[in-house]
Structure formats: C-alpha cells, structure tokens
PDB file of N, CA and C in Angstrom:
ATOM      1  N   UNK A   1     106.488   1.444 193.157  1.00  0.00           N
ATOM      2  CA  UNK A   1     105.187   2.164 192.796  1.00  0.00           C
ATOM      3  C   UNK A   1     104.496   2.750 193.948  1.00  0.00           C
ATOM      4  N   UNK A   2     104.375   4.010 194.412  1.00  0.00           N
ATOM      5  CA  UNK A   2     103.492   4.371 195.163  1.00  0.00           C
ATOM      6  C   UNK A   2     101.949   4.426 195.256  1.00  0.00           C
ATOM      7  N   UNK A   3     101.434   3.874 196.876  1.00  0.00           N
ATOM      8  CA  UNK A   3      99.955   4.037 196.651  1.00  0.00           C
ATOM      9  C   UNK A   3      99.381   5.592 196.745  1.00  0.00           C
ATOM     10  N   UNK A   4      98.680   5.459 195.566  1.00  0.00           N
ATOM     11  CA  UNK A   4      97.858   7.387 195.866  1.00  0.00           C
ATOM     12  C   UNK A   4      96.735   7.247 196.559  1.00  0.00           C
ATOM     13  N   UNK A   5      95.900   8.142 197.303  1.00  0.00           N
ATOM     14  CA  UNK A   5      94.857   8.155 198.041  1.00  0.00           C
ATOM     15  C   UNK A   5      94.076   8.960 196.536  1.00  0.00           C
ATOM     16  N   UNK A   6      93.215   8.095 196.288  1.00  0.00           N
ATOM     17  CA  UNK A   6      92.179   8.526 195.192  1.00  0.00           C
ATOM     18  C   UNK A   6      91.413   9.440 195.426  1.00  0.00           C
ATOM     19  N   UNK A   7      90.807   9.532 196.322  1.00  0.00           N
ATOM     20  CA  UNK A   7      89.734  10.027 196.948  1.00  0.00           C
ATOM     21  C   UNK A   7      90.199  11.272 197.110  1.00  0.00           C
ATOM     22  N   UNK A   8      91.368  12.011 197.773  1.00  0.00           N
ATOM     23  CA  UNK A   8      91.541  13.113 197.980  1.00  0.00           C
ATOM     24  C   UNK A   8      92.116  13.701 196.986  1.00  0.00           C
ATOM     25  N   UNK A   9      92.710  12.908 195.697  1.00  0.00           N
ATOM     26  CA  UNK A   9      93.218  13.408 194.501  1.00  0.00           C
ATOM     27  C   UNK A   9      92.089  14.105 193.598  1.00  0.00           C
ATOM     28  N   UNK A  10      91.067  13.314 194.020  1.00  0.00           N
ATOM     29  CA  UNK A  10      89.560  13.224 193.030  1.00  0.00           C
ATOM     30  C   UNK A  10      89.041  14.836 193.813  1.00  0.00           C
ATOM     31  N   UNK A  11      89.055  14.481 194.678  1.00  0.00           N
ATOM     32  CA  UNK A  11      88.800  16.148 195.434  1.00  0.00           C
ATOM     33  C   UNK A  11      89.584  17.035 195.162  1.00  0.00           C
ATOM     34  N   UNK A  12      90.978  17.112 195.126  1.00  0.00           N
ATOM     35  CA  UNK A  12      91.994  17.804 194.985  1.00  0.00           C
ATOM     36  C   UNK A  12      91.550  18.430 193.025  1.00  0.00           C
ATOM     37  N   UNK A  13      90.925  17.465 192.357  1.00  0.00           N
ATOM     38  CA  UNK A  13      91.019  17.871 190.774  1.00  0.00           C
ATOM     39  C   UNK A  13      89.881  18.354 190.537  1.00  0.00           C
ATOM     40  N   UNK A  14      88.819  17.855 191.571  1.00  0.00           N
ATOM     41  CA  UNK A  14      87.483  18.171 191.337  1.00  0.00           C
ATOM     42  C   UNK A  14      87.295  19.844 191.630  1.00  0.00           C
ATOM     43  N   UNK A  15      88.002  20.060 192.663  1.00  0.00           N
ATOM     44  CA  UNK A  15      87.942  21.606 193.163  1.00  0.00           C
ATOM     45  C   UNK A  15      89.025  22.730 192.223  1.00  0.00           C
ATOM     46  N   UNK A  16      90.140  22.076 191.572  1.00  0.00           N
ATOM     47  CA  UNK A  16      90.920  22.580 190.848  1.00  0.00           C
ATOM     48  C   UNK A  16      89.884  22.958 189.355  1.00  0.00           C
ATOM     49  N   UNK A  17      89.607  22.182 188.646  1.00  0.00           N
ATOM     50  CA  UNK A  17      88.882  22.358 187.724  1.00  0.00           C
ATOM     51  C   UNK A  17      87.718  23.155 187.992  1.00  0.00           C
ATOM     52  N   UNK A  18      87.108  22.878 188.836  1.00  0.00           N
ATOM     53  CA  UNK A  18      85.725  23.706 189.306  1.00  0.00           C
ATOM     54  C   UNK A  18      86.026  25.085 189.502  1.00  0.00           C
ATOM     55  N   UNK A  19      87.085  25.214 190.201  1.00  0.00           N
ATOM     56  CA  UNK A  19      87.774  26.723 190.299  1.00  0.00           C
ATOM     57  C   UNK A  19      87.941  27.356 189.054  1.00  0.00           C
ATOM     58  N   UNK A  20      88.640  26.717 188.094  1.00  0.00           N
ATOM     59  CA  UNK A  20      88.762  27.202 187.124  1.00  0.00           C
ATOM     60  C   UNK A  20      87.789  27.578 185.835  1.00  0.00           C
ATOM     61  N   UNK A  21      86.959  26.723 186.182  1.00  0.00           N
ATOM     62  CA  UNK A  21      85.408  26.749 185.360  1.00  0.00           C
ATOM     63  C   UNK A  21      84.767  27.992 185.784  1.00  0.00           C
ATOM     64  N   UNK A  22      84.596  28.512 187.067  1.00  0.00           N
ATOM     65  CA  UNK A  22      83.752  29.575 187.473  1.00  0.00           C
ATOM     66  C   UNK A  22      84.907  30.796 187.654  1.00  0.00           C
ATOM     67  N   UNK A  23      86.605  30.678 187.137  1.00  0.00           N
ATOM     68  CA  UNK A  23      87.055  31.928 186.648  1.00  0.00           C
ATOM     69  C   UNK A  23      87.219  32.133 185.379  1.00  0.00           C
ATOM     70  N   UNK A  24      86.305  31.867 184.280  1.00  0.00           N
ATOM     71  CA  UNK A  24      86.712  32.264 183.157  1.00  0.00           C
ATOM     72  C   UNK A  24      87.136  31.034 182.100  1.00  0.00           C
ATOM     73  N   UNK A  25      87.010  29.880 182.502  1.00  0.00           N
ATOM     74  CA  UNK A  25      87.368  29.086 181.703  1.00  0.00           C
ATOM     75  C   UNK A  25      86.564  27.929 181.583  1.00  0.00           C
ATOM     76  N   UNK A  26      85.309  27.873 180.975  1.00  0.00           N
ATOM     77  CA  UNK A  26      84.084  26.687 181.322  1.00  0.00           C
ATOM     78  C   UNK A  26      84.395  25.729 180.529  1.00  0.00           C
ATOM     79  N   UNK A  27      85.089  25.547 179.543  1.00  0.00           N
ATOM     80  CA  UNK A  27      85.787  24.275 179.264  1.00  0.00           C
ATOM     81  C   UNK A  27      85.761  23.166 180.546  1.00  0.00           C
ATOM     82  N   UNK A  28      86.607  23.679 181.589  1.00  0.00           N
ATOM     83  CA  UNK A  28      87.125  23.151 182.722  1.00  0.00           C
ATOM     84  C   UNK A  28      86.126  22.473 183.333  1.00  0.00           C
ATOM     85  N   UNK A  29      84.756  23.285 183.050  1.00  0.00           N
ATOM     86  CA  UNK A  29      83.587  22.081 183.781  1.00  0.00           C
ATOM     87  C   UNK A  29      83.392  20.817 183.288  1.00  0.00           C
ATOM     88  N   UNK A  30      83.610  20.609 181.996  1.00  0.00           N
ATOM     89  CA  UNK A  30      83.843  19.215 181.322  1.00  0.00           C
ATOM     90  C   UNK A  30      84.685  18.208 182.114  1.00  0.00           C
ATOM     91  N   UNK A  31      85.560  18.676 182.565  1.00  0.00           N
ATOM     92  CA  UNK A  31      86.896  18.043 182.930  1.00  0.00           C
ATOM     93  C   UNK A  31      86.371  17.815 184.625  1.00  0.00           C
ATOM     94  N   UNK A  32      85.403  18.424 184.747  1.00  0.00           N
ATOM     95  CA  UNK A  32      84.844  18.259 186.317  1.00  0.00           C
ATOM     96  C   UNK A  32      84.161  16.994 186.645  1.00  0.00           C
ATOM     97  N   UNK A  33      83.314  16.875 185.404  1.00  0.00           N
ATOM     98  CA  UNK A  33      82.371  16.127 185.315  1.00  0.00           C
ATOM     99  C   UNK A  33      83.110  14.572 184.858  1.00  0.00           C
ATOM    100  N   UNK A  34      83.988  14.741 184.218  1.00  0.00           N
ATOM    101  CA  UNK A  34      84.735  13.505 183.757  1.00  0.00           C
ATOM    102  C   UNK A  34      85.429  12.947 184.860  1.00  0.00           C
ATOM    103  N   UNK A  35      85.716  13.938 185.678  1.00  0.00           N
ATOM    104  CA  UNK A  35      86.605  13.402 187.072  1.00  0.00           C
ATOM    105  C   UNK A  35      85.845  12.564 187.851  1.00  0.00           C
ATOM    106  N   UNK A  36      85.098  12.752 187.913  1.00  0.00           N
ATOM    107  CA  UNK A  36      83.735  12.030 188.824  1.00  0.00           C
ATOM    108  C   UNK A  36      83.756  10.598 188.284  1.00  0.00           C
ATOM    109  N   UNK A  37      83.694  10.549 186.760  1.00  0.00           N
ATOM    110  CA  UNK A  37      83.359   8.930 186.460  1.00  0.00           C
ATOM    111  C   UNK A  37      84.968   8.074 186.657  1.00  0.00           C
ATOM    112  N   UNK A  38      85.920   8.748 186.324  1.00  0.00           N
ATOM    113  CA  UNK A  38      87.339   8.147 186.166  1.00  0.00           C
ATOM    114  C   UNK A  38      87.639   7.297 187.163  1.00  0.00           C
ATOM    115  N   UNK A  39      88.165   6.452 187.236  1.00  0.00           N
ATOM    116  CA  UNK A  39      88.899   5.251 188.100  1.00  0.00           C
ATOM    117  C   UNK A  39      90.249   5.776 188.158  1.00  0.00           C
ATOM    118  N   UNK A  40      90.662   4.772 189.221  1.00  0.00           N
ATOM    119  CA  UNK A  40      91.734   5.529 189.677  1.00  0.00           C
ATOM    120  C   UNK A  40      92.945   5.432 188.790  1.00  0.00           C
ATOM    121  N   UNK A  41      93.359   4.770 187.899  1.00  0.00           N
ATOM    122  CA  UNK A  41      94.735   5.104 187.048  1.00  0.00           C
ATOM    123  C   UNK A  41      94.188   6.069 186.150  1.00  0.00           C
ATOM    124  N   UNK A  42      93.224   6.586 185.395  1.00  0.00           N
ATOM    125  CA  UNK A  42      92.652   7.242 184.852  1.00  0.00           C
ATOM    126  C   UNK A  42      92.756   9.005 185.576  1.00  0.00           C
ATOM    127  N   UNK A  43      92.380   9.111 186.710  1.00  0.00           N
ATOM    128  CA  UNK A  43      92.688   9.700 187.462  1.00  0.00           C
ATOM    129  C   UNK A  43      94.003  10.737 187.644  1.00  0.00           C
ATOM    130  N   UNK A  44      95.128   9.589 187.940  1.00  0.00           N
ATOM    131  CA  UNK A  44      96.088  10.085 188.095  1.00  0.00           C
ATOM    132  C   UNK A  44      97.053   9.896 186.372  1.00  0.00           C
ATOM    133  N   UNK A  45      96.611  10.003 185.716  1.00  0.00           N
ATOM    134  CA  UNK A  45      97.504  10.040 184.178  1.00  0.00           C
ATOM    135  C   UNK A  45      96.327  11.483 184.437  1.00  0.00           C
ATOM    136  N   UNK A  46      95.523  11.672 184.504  1.00  0.00           N
ATOM    137  CA  UNK A  46      94.551  12.794 184.248  1.00  0.00           C
ATOM    138  C   UNK A  46      96.028  14.093 185.110  1.00  0.00           C
ATOM    139  N   UNK A  47      95.695  13.784 186.206  1.00  0.00           N
ATOM    140  CA  UNK A  47      96.699  14.651 187.274  1.00  0.00           C
ATOM    141  C   UNK A  47      98.230  14.888 187.106  1.00  0.00           C
ATOM    142  N   UNK A  48      98.977  13.645 186.459  1.00  0.00           N
ATOM    143  CA  UNK A  48      99.847  13.711 185.288  1.00  0.00           C
ATOM    144  C   UNK A  48      99.816  14.974 184.615  1.00  0.00           C
ATOM    145  N   UNK A  49      98.905  15.056 183.462  1.00  0.00           N
ATOM    146  CA  UNK A  49      98.578  15.869 182.514  1.00  0.00           C
ATOM    147  C   UNK A  49      98.652  17.061 183.359  1.00  0.00           C
ATOM    148  N   UNK A  50      98.001  17.434 183.890  1.00  0.00           N
ATOM    149  CA  UNK A  50      97.909  18.892 184.416  1.00  0.00           C
ATOM    150  C   UNK A  50      99.036  19.485 185.266  1.00  0.00           C
ATOM    151  N   UNK A  51     100.122  18.481 185.371  1.00  0.00           N
ATOM    152  CA  UNK A  51     101.118  19.071 186.184  1.00  0.00           C
ATOM    153  C   UNK A  51     101.339  18.995 187.723  1.00  0.00           C
ATOM    154  N   UNK A  52     100.215  18.027 188.063  1.00  0.00           N
ATOM    155  CA  UNK A  52     100.084  17.873 189.440  1.00  0.00           C
ATOM    156  C   UNK A  52     100.868  16.549 190.155  1.00  0.00           C
ATOM    157  N   UNK A  53     101.843  17.271 191.418  1.00  0.00           N
ATOM    158  CA  UNK A  53     102.674  16.056 191.701  1.00  0.00           C
ATOM    159  C   UNK A  53     101.987  15.022 192.584  1.00  0.00           C
ATOM    160  N   UNK A  54     102.124  14.003 192.084  1.00  0.00           N
ATOM    161  CA  UNK A  54     101.319  12.490 192.979  1.00  0.00           C
ATOM    162  C   UNK A  54     101.969  12.285 194.045  1.00  0.00           C
ATOM    163  N   UNK A  55     103.218  13.059 194.554  1.00  0.00           N
ATOM    164  CA  UNK A  55     103.657  12.783 195.561  1.00  0.00           C
ATOM    165  C   UNK A  55     102.665  12.958 196.836  1.00  0.00           C
ATOM    166  N   UNK A  56     101.866  14.164 196.370  1.00  0.00           N
ATOM    167  CA  UNK A  56     101.480  15.092 197.744  1.00  0.00           C
ATOM    168  C   UNK A  56     100.209  14.207 197.851  1.00  0.00           C
ATOM    169  N   UNK A  57     100.008  13.228 197.407  1.00  0.00           N
ATOM    170  CA  UNK A  57      98.716  12.215 197.544  1.00  0.00           C
ATOM    171  C   UNK A  57      99.161  10.868 197.588  1.00  0.00           C
ATOM    172  N   UNK A  58     100.339  10.609 198.260  1.00  0.00           N
ATOM    173  CA  UNK A  58     101.206   9.472 198.182  1.00  0.00           C
ATOM    174  C   UNK A  58     100.123   8.870 199.823  1.00  0.00           C
ATOM    175  N   UNK A  59     100.262   7.853 199.915  1.00  0.00           N
ATOM    176  CA  UNK A  59      99.664   7.140 201.417  1.00  0.00           C
ATOM    177  C   UNK A  59     100.499   6.622 202.186  1.00  0.00           C
TER     178      UNK A  59
END
C-alpha cells in the first residue's frame, strides 16, 4: 500500500469540486464543504470514486 499526501490530495479535490461548483454544477459545493471534514481514508475513497488516480499523490 502506498503512502498518499493527504494535504495535496485535499487541496486538489477542493479545487476540483470548487471549480465545478462555479461552472454550473452548484451541488459540487456540498462536496467541497464535505472534503474539508473528511479524514485521510475518506478522502482517498472520494477521490477514487471520482476517478482520480491516487498514484499522482504518492509520497
């Protein structure tokens, strides 16, 4: 199992969902707020569910 830079992944997901929220998908704003409260495991699950390659965030 790889070690993931959670802070970098959290920043990426916040930017990703924030951009979506302001480009016509206001429901993504809820994801943005949820991401701030997630622990590392939950963030990794969310990212995988969104199709984001976690290998890009390995330490």
